Amino acid sequence: MDMVTMTFFGWPDNSPPGAGKAYTCPGRGPTSGGTGDYDDPVTIATAIGELNVCDTIYIPYLKKYGIFEGYCQDCIDDWKERKRRIDIWTGSSQEGGGEDQNTCERKFTPTAASQTIIRYPPRGLDVNKGSLYDKNTQPTCHKDTQTFSNYNAESYCH
C-alpha cells in the first residue's frame, strides 16, 4: 500500500482538451475512460517510475481499479521529490463539462498524501461503477455518492 495525493482530470483540463491519452495499453482504445472494474479500469495519470505504464492499481477511496495510461506534469514534478501523486479521469470520453467539471474535480480531491492505493491488486475487490462526473445528469458531480473515505486500508493487506 502506498499513500498518495489524488487529483482528478477530465476533458476540459486534459492536455490538449479532450479524451486523448498518452499511452495505449493492450485491449484499451485510444481514449481515456473506464468504468473502474478489473476488466475496464479507469484511466489514471502519474509519473513513469512511480508506476509503470499500463500498471493497474486499486483505489479504495473510489472503489475503482485504475490503469496508468495518462500524462500528468504535476505528478512528474512531485515524483522528482518522491512525492506520490495520481490524477484520475472523471470523464467523459465524448464531451467536456467546462468549468463545472473542473469544479467537480476539485470537490473530489482529498487532502494531500491522505489516500491509499493498492498496487498489483487481485481481481474481485469491491467495485463501484458509478460515474464521477456526467454532464447530462443533475447533479453533474457525483462526489457525495462516489467516494468511500471510511475504508480500512489494512483490510487490503494479505
Protein backbone atom coordinates (compact mmCIF):
# COMPACT_ATOMS: atom_id res chain seq x y z
CA MET A 1 0.00 0.00 0.00
CA ASP A 2 1.17 3.49 -0.79
CA MET A 3 -0.07 6.88 0.47
CA VAL A 4 -0.66 9.27 -2.39
CA THR A 5 -2.03 12.65 -3.29
CA MET A 6 -5.05 12.23 -5.54
CA THR A 7 -6.17 14.79 -8.06
CA PHE A 8 -8.68 14.50 -10.87
CA PHE A 9 -8.79 15.44 -14.53
CA GLY A 10 -11.21 15.28 -17.42
CA TRP A 11 -11.97 16.59 -20.87
CA PRO A 12 -11.61 20.33 -20.13
CA ASP A 13 -8.24 20.20 -18.36
CA ASN A 14 -6.67 17.33 -20.29
CA SER A 15 -3.75 18.46 -22.45
CA PRO A 16 -4.88 19.03 -25.12
CA PRO A 17 -8.56 19.24 -24.08
CA GLY A 18 -10.41 16.07 -24.98
CA ALA A 19 -10.32 12.39 -24.14
CA GLY A 20 -6.90 11.59 -25.61
CA LYS A 21 -4.33 9.77 -23.55
CA ALA A 22 -0.57 9.45 -23.60
CA TYR A 23 -0.14 5.68 -23.66
CA THR A 24 -2.06 2.83 -25.27
CA CYS A 25 -2.38 -0.27 -23.14
CA PRO A 26 -3.28 -3.73 -24.51
CA GLY A 27 -7.01 -4.17 -25.01
CA ARG A 28 -7.75 -0.48 -24.48
CA GLY A 29 -9.00 2.02 -27.03
CA PRO A 30 -7.45 5.38 -27.92
CA THR A 31 -9.44 7.46 -25.41
CA SER A 32 -9.47 7.89 -21.65
CA GLY A 33 -12.32 6.23 -19.82
CA GLY A 34 -13.25 3.09 -17.93
CA THR A 35 -15.98 2.05 -15.52
CA GLY A 36 -13.49 1.14 -12.80
CA ASP A 37 -13.90 -2.64 -12.69
CA TYR A 38 -10.96 -5.00 -13.11
CA ASP A 39 -11.60 -5.56 -16.82
CA ASP A 40 -12.32 -1.88 -17.58
CA PRO A 41 -10.21 0.21 -15.19
CA VAL A 42 -10.50 3.99 -15.17
CA THR A 43 -7.67 5.96 -16.77
CA ILE A 44 -5.14 7.41 -14.35
CA ALA A 45 -2.07 9.54 -14.93
CA THR A 46 1.12 9.68 -12.90
CA ALA A 47 4.90 9.71 -13.35
CA ILE A 48 6.80 6.92 -15.05
CA GLY A 49 8.79 5.35 -12.24
CA GLU A 50 6.07 5.90 -9.68
CA LEU A 51 4.17 3.28 -11.67
CA ASN A 52 4.94 1.58 -14.95
CA VAL A 53 2.83 2.43 -17.99
CA CYS A 54 -0.22 0.13 -18.07
CA ASP A 55 0.12 -0.87 -14.39
CA THR A 56 -3.24 -1.46 -12.73
CA ILE A 57 -3.97 -0.21 -9.21
CA TYR A 58 -6.99 -0.28 -6.92
CA ILE A 59 -8.29 2.96 -5.42
CA PRO A 60 -10.28 2.29 -2.21
CA TYR A 61 -11.42 5.95 -1.98
CA LEU A 62 -13.41 5.38 -5.19
CA LYS A 63 -13.76 1.57 -5.11
CA LYS A 64 -12.32 1.51 -8.61
CA TYR A 65 -9.45 -0.10 -10.43
CA GLY A 66 -7.27 2.32 -12.40
CA ILE A 67 -4.76 1.89 -15.19
CA PHE A 68 -1.78 4.18 -15.86
CA GLU A 69 -2.22 5.49 -19.40
CA GLY A 70 -2.30 9.27 -18.97
CA TYR A 71 0.26 12.06 -18.72
CA CYS A 72 0.44 14.35 -15.66
CA GLN A 73 3.13 17.02 -15.45
CA ASP A 74 2.30 17.85 -11.81
CA CYS A 75 2.71 14.15 -10.99
CA ILE A 76 6.10 14.10 -12.69
CA ASP A 77 7.20 17.21 -10.78
CA ASP A 78 6.06 15.70 -7.46
CA TRP A 79 7.77 12.39 -8.19
CA LYS A 80 11.11 14.16 -8.63
CA GLU A 81 10.81 14.85 -4.88
CA ARG A 82 9.50 11.30 -4.26
CA LYS A 83 6.00 12.59 -3.52
CA ARG A 84 3.40 10.16 -4.82
CA ARG A 85 0.54 11.59 -6.86
CA ILE A 86 -2.04 10.16 -9.23
CA ASP A 87 -4.51 12.02 -11.40
CA ILE A 88 -7.81 10.20 -12.01
CA TRP A 89 -10.05 10.58 -15.08
CA THR A 90 -13.54 11.93 -14.30
CA GLY A 91 -14.97 11.57 -17.82
CA SER A 92 -16.46 11.92 -20.34
CA SER A 93 -14.95 10.33 -23.41
CA GLN A 94 -17.34 12.23 -25.72
CA GLU A 95 -17.70 15.78 -24.39
CA GLY A 96 -16.39 18.16 -21.78
CA GLY A 97 -18.16 19.88 -18.94
CA GLY A 98 -16.10 23.09 -18.88
CA GLU A 99 -15.66 24.90 -15.58
CA ASP A 100 -18.46 22.83 -13.99
CA GLN A 101 -16.33 19.73 -14.50
CA ASN A 102 -13.19 21.44 -13.20
CA THR A 103 -15.12 22.46 -10.06
CA CYS A 104 -16.28 18.87 -9.63
CA GLU A 105 -12.72 17.60 -9.89
CA ARG A 106 -11.66 19.95 -7.08
CA LYS A 107 -14.54 18.64 -4.92
CA PHE A 108 -13.30 15.06 -5.36
CA THR A 109 -9.71 15.96 -4.42
CA PRO A 110 -8.95 14.86 -0.84
CA THR A 111 -6.22 16.22 1.45
CA ALA A 112 -2.70 15.76 0.03
CA ALA A 113 -0.95 12.44 0.72
CA SER A 114 -4.02 11.12 2.55
CA GLN A 115 -5.17 8.25 0.35
CA THR A 116 -4.07 4.69 -0.22
CA ILE A 117 -3.66 2.86 -3.49
CA ILE A 118 -3.21 -0.88 -3.85
CA ARG A 119 -0.51 -1.85 -6.33
CA TYR A 120 -0.87 -5.18 -8.18
CA PRO A 121 -4.41 -5.68 -6.86
CA PRO A 122 -6.18 -9.00 -7.13
CA ARG A 123 -9.33 -9.40 -9.20
CA GLY A 124 -12.57 -9.31 -7.23
CA LEU A 125 -12.21 -6.29 -4.96
CA ASP A 126 -15.39 -4.30 -4.27
CA VAL A 127 -16.15 -2.05 -7.26
CA ASN A 128 -18.43 0.91 -7.75
CA LYS A 129 -19.02 1.55 -11.47
CA GLY A 130 -20.84 4.85 -10.94
CA SER A 131 -19.66 7.87 -12.93
CA LEU A 132 -17.72 10.61 -11.17
CA TYR A 133 -18.96 13.35 -13.48
CA ASP A 134 -21.77 13.30 -16.03
CA LYS A 135 -22.66 16.50 -17.85
CA ASN A 136 -26.08 15.08 -18.71
CA THR A 137 -27.31 14.39 -15.15
CA GLN A 138 -28.36 16.58 -12.25
CA PRO A 139 -26.34 16.94 -10.23
CA THR A 140 -23.46 16.62 -12.68
CA CYS A 141 -20.88 15.98 -9.95
CA HIS A 142 -21.35 12.72 -8.07
CA LYS A 143 -18.84 13.19 -5.26
CA ASP A 144 -21.36 12.54 -2.49
CA THR A 145 -22.28 9.11 -3.86
CA GLN A 146 -18.98 8.05 -5.45
CA THR A 147 -16.40 8.42 -2.67
CA PHE A 148 -15.75 6.00 0.18
CA SER A 149 -13.49 7.76 2.64
CA ASN A 150 -14.16 5.39 5.55
CA TYR A 151 -12.35 2.39 4.05
CA ASN A 152 -9.94 0.36 6.18
CA ALA A 153 -6.63 0.25 4.30
CA GLU A 154 -5.39 -2.69 6.38
CA SER A 155 -8.24 -4.85 5.08
CA TYR A 156 -6.48 -4.94 1.70
CA CYS A 157 -3.27 -6.43 3.13
CA HIS A 158 -2.70 -10.13 2.60
